[in-house]
Amino acid sequence: LCPSRLFWQILLFSLISTSLHYSFQTIGLKYTTATNASVYALTAPIFIIIISILFLNEKVTLKKAVGVTLAIGGVILVMGPEQLLTFSIKGHLLGDILVLVSFMFWGSFTVYGRKLTGKLKPFELTSAMTIYGALTMLPVSLWEINKYNFSFASVTTRAWLAIAFLGVTCSFLATLFYIQALEKVES
């Protein structure tokens, strides 16, 4: 799946980008509100800048500062003031922390991905990340299947098609395009 000299780096990258990021976010969403999670999404570009400064020696430029400001402003605009007013950490602290940590993992994924684009082509990196990420999530998935007595026979054809669409377009292709962009520009 990848050159043996890069195995441990790709495995760590897969854990950060797939297993840990999605696990923390999914579990966190059980214990917080959609509004709180959306507000914490605002931290992703901030984490990316901080981590890229620390590990890639990237500089904060006016262009980056404007980009982060526009991203934050866009989320606030889409949410609207009435939705923002429902933000509250009361009773949601565990979920809030888990979701916030998931965005730290997203920032780490972006910066580490930028570093790895010099070692593997975007398609190779995305493929390895997807496969290793799925494999590292497999034990938890099997545990949940057993715990909730889940039956694959209960999944409709339409649901399988939706899962395939999400896996191919929203996960694999979106990540591939993201990593292709990271190959060409700073984090």
Protein backbone atom coordinates (compact mmCIF):
# COMPACT_ATOMS: atom_id res chain seq x y z
CA LEU A 1 0.00 0.00 0.00
CA CYS A 2 2.94 2.33 0.55
CA PRO A 3 6.71 2.06 0.64
CA SER A 4 7.83 0.20 3.78
CA ARG A 5 9.98 3.15 4.89
CA LEU A 6 6.79 5.21 5.14
CA PHE A 7 4.55 2.58 6.74
CA TRP A 8 4.59 3.99 10.28
CA GLN A 9 4.20 7.58 9.05
CA ILE A 10 1.19 6.63 6.91
CA LEU A 11 -0.29 4.57 9.74
CA LEU A 12 0.03 7.55 12.12
CA PHE A 13 -1.41 9.83 9.43
CA SER A 14 -4.36 7.43 9.00
CA LEU A 15 -5.00 7.32 12.73
CA ILE A 16 -5.01 11.13 12.96
CA SER A 17 -6.99 11.81 9.80
CA THR A 18 -9.51 9.01 9.90
CA SER A 19 -9.79 6.96 13.07
CA LEU A 20 -9.21 9.56 15.76
CA HIS A 21 -10.73 12.57 13.98
CA TYR A 22 -13.97 10.83 13.03
CA SER A 23 -14.25 8.84 16.26
CA PHE A 24 -13.87 11.88 18.50
CA GLN A 25 -16.28 13.86 16.34
CA THR A 26 -18.92 11.12 16.12
CA ILE A 27 -18.83 10.35 19.83
CA GLY A 28 -18.71 14.06 20.69
CA LEU A 29 -21.83 14.73 18.61
CA LYS A 30 -23.74 12.31 20.84
CA TYR A 31 -23.02 14.57 23.83
CA THR A 32 -23.31 18.07 22.40
CA THR A 33 -25.55 20.08 20.13
CA ALA A 34 -25.17 20.70 16.41
CA THR A 35 -24.81 24.40 17.19
CA ASN A 36 -21.93 23.82 19.57
CA ALA A 37 -20.20 21.51 17.07
CA SER A 38 -20.62 24.14 14.33
CA VAL A 39 -19.10 26.82 16.53
CA TYR A 40 -16.15 24.55 17.28
CA ALA A 41 -15.73 23.98 13.52
CA LEU A 42 -14.60 27.60 13.46
CA THR A 43 -11.44 26.49 15.25
CA ALA A 44 -10.23 24.20 12.44
CA PRO A 45 -8.47 26.91 10.39
CA ILE A 46 -7.01 28.36 13.58
CA PHE A 47 -5.58 24.96 14.57
CA ILE A 48 -4.18 24.53 11.06
CA ILE A 49 -2.34 27.85 11.26
CA ILE A 50 -0.95 27.17 14.75
CA ILE A 51 0.19 23.64 13.92
CA SER A 52 1.68 24.69 10.56
CA ILE A 53 3.68 27.42 12.31
CA LEU A 54 4.99 24.95 14.90
CA PHE A 55 5.82 22.02 12.58
CA LEU A 56 6.32 23.43 9.08
CA ASN A 57 7.65 26.88 9.97
CA GLU A 58 4.94 28.44 7.81
CA LYS A 59 4.31 32.13 8.28
CA VAL A 60 1.01 33.87 8.93
CA THR A 61 0.45 36.12 5.96
CA LEU A 62 -2.22 38.72 5.35
CA LYS A 63 -3.75 36.40 2.76
CA LYS A 64 -4.00 33.56 5.33
CA ALA A 65 -5.43 35.85 8.00
CA VAL A 66 -8.07 37.10 5.56
CA GLY A 67 -8.83 33.50 4.54
CA VAL A 68 -9.36 32.41 8.14
CA THR A 69 -11.50 35.47 8.83
CA LEU A 70 -13.64 34.77 5.75
CA ALA A 71 -14.02 31.11 6.74
CA ILE A 72 -15.14 32.05 10.25
CA GLY A 73 -17.42 34.76 8.91
CA GLY A 74 -18.96 32.33 6.43
CA VAL A 75 -19.81 29.81 9.15
CA ILE A 76 -21.30 32.55 11.33
CA LEU A 77 -23.32 33.89 8.38
CA VAL A 78 -24.67 30.45 7.48
CA MET A 79 -25.55 29.66 11.11
CA GLY A 80 -27.29 32.97 11.66
CA PRO A 81 -27.52 34.96 14.89
CA GLU A 82 -30.55 33.09 16.25
CA GLN A 83 -28.72 29.76 16.01
CA LEU A 84 -25.56 31.21 17.56
CA LEU A 85 -27.59 32.39 20.54
CA THR A 86 -28.42 28.74 21.37
CA PHE A 87 -24.73 27.98 22.00
CA SER A 88 -24.19 26.76 25.55
CA ILE A 89 -21.60 24.52 27.18
CA LYS A 90 -23.92 23.76 30.09
CA GLY A 91 -24.54 20.02 30.09
CA HIS A 92 -22.42 19.48 26.96
CA LEU A 93 -18.85 19.76 28.22
CA LEU A 94 -17.78 16.19 27.37
CA GLY A 95 -19.19 16.43 23.84
CA ASP A 96 -17.74 19.90 23.36
CA ILE A 97 -14.25 18.73 24.36
CA LEU A 98 -14.43 15.66 22.10
CA VAL A 99 -15.58 17.71 19.09
CA LEU A 100 -12.94 20.36 19.76
CA VAL A 101 -10.23 17.68 19.94
CA SER A 102 -11.52 16.26 16.63
CA PHE A 103 -10.79 19.63 15.02
CA MET A 104 -7.28 19.54 16.51
CA PHE A 105 -6.87 16.20 14.74
CA TRP A 106 -8.16 17.83 11.53
CA GLY A 107 -5.53 20.55 11.85
CA SER A 108 -2.87 17.89 12.45
CA PHE A 109 -4.12 15.92 9.44
CA THR A 110 -3.80 18.99 7.23
CA VAL A 111 -0.29 19.85 8.35
CA TYR A 112 0.97 16.26 8.37
CA GLY A 113 -0.69 15.70 4.99
CA ARG A 114 1.17 18.71 3.62
CA LYS A 115 4.43 17.21 4.84
CA LEU A 116 3.66 13.77 3.34
CA THR A 117 2.76 15.15 -0.10
CA GLY A 118 6.48 15.46 -0.73
CA LYS A 119 6.89 11.70 -0.16
CA LEU A 120 3.83 10.20 -1.90
CA LYS A 121 1.54 11.26 -4.72
CA PRO A 122 -1.92 12.47 -3.60
CA PHE A 123 -3.71 9.38 -4.94
CA GLU A 124 -1.27 7.03 -3.17
CA LEU A 125 -1.50 8.99 0.08
CA THR A 126 -5.31 9.15 -0.01
CA SER A 127 -5.59 5.45 -0.86
CA ALA A 128 -3.24 4.36 1.91
CA MET A 129 -4.93 6.70 4.40
CA THR A 130 -8.36 5.35 3.49
CA ILE A 131 -7.36 1.69 3.70
CA TYR A 132 -5.32 1.99 6.90
CA GLY A 133 -7.96 4.24 8.44
CA ALA A 134 -10.65 1.66 7.71
CA LEU A 135 -8.50 -1.13 9.12
CA THR A 136 -7.78 0.78 12.34
CA MET A 137 -11.50 1.45 12.78
CA LEU A 138 -12.45 -2.17 12.16
CA PRO A 139 -12.08 -3.43 15.78
CA VAL A 140 -14.37 -0.70 17.10
CA SER A 141 -16.82 -1.31 14.27
CA LEU A 142 -16.97 -5.03 15.04
CA TRP A 143 -17.46 -4.27 18.73
CA GLU A 144 -20.37 -1.92 17.92
CA ILE A 145 -21.93 -4.44 15.52
CA ASN A 146 -21.86 -7.01 18.31
CA LYS A 147 -22.97 -4.61 21.05
CA TYR A 148 -26.01 -3.36 19.14
CA ASN A 149 -26.76 -6.73 17.50
CA PHE A 150 -26.61 -5.06 14.09
CA SER A 151 -27.68 -7.01 11.01
CA PHE A 152 -26.37 -6.08 7.56
CA ALA A 153 -29.51 -7.68 6.11
CA SER A 154 -31.51 -4.78 7.57
CA VAL A 155 -29.67 -2.26 5.35
CA THR A 156 -31.67 -1.40 2.23
CA THR A 157 -30.24 -1.16 -1.27
CA ARG A 158 -30.89 2.57 -1.20
CA ALA A 159 -28.90 2.89 2.04
CA TRP A 160 -25.98 0.89 0.53
CA LEU A 161 -26.00 3.22 -2.49
CA ALA A 162 -25.98 6.24 -0.18
CA ILE A 163 -23.07 4.74 1.78
CA ALA A 164 -21.17 4.08 -1.45
CA PHE A 165 -21.83 7.63 -2.67
CA LEU A 166 -20.62 9.12 0.62
CA GLY A 167 -17.56 6.87 0.69
CA VAL A 168 -16.49 7.58 -2.88
CA THR A 169 -17.38 11.25 -3.30
CA CYS A 170 -17.59 12.88 0.11
CA SER A 171 -14.76 10.90 1.67
CA PHE A 172 -12.29 9.57 -0.90
CA LEU A 173 -12.58 12.15 -3.70
CA ALA A 174 -12.94 15.13 -1.34
CA THR A 175 -9.85 13.99 0.57
CA LEU A 176 -7.95 13.37 -2.67
CA PHE A 177 -8.73 16.90 -3.89
CA TYR A 178 -7.81 18.31 -0.48
CA ILE A 179 -4.45 16.52 -0.52
CA GLN A 180 -3.86 17.60 -4.14
CA ALA A 181 -4.38 21.20 -2.99
CA LEU A 182 -2.00 20.66 -0.05
CA GLU A 183 0.64 19.51 -2.52
CA LYS A 184 0.49 22.90 -4.25
CA VAL A 185 -0.10 25.41 -1.42
CA GLU A 186 0.79 25.81 2.25
CA SER A 187 -1.45 24.41 4.94
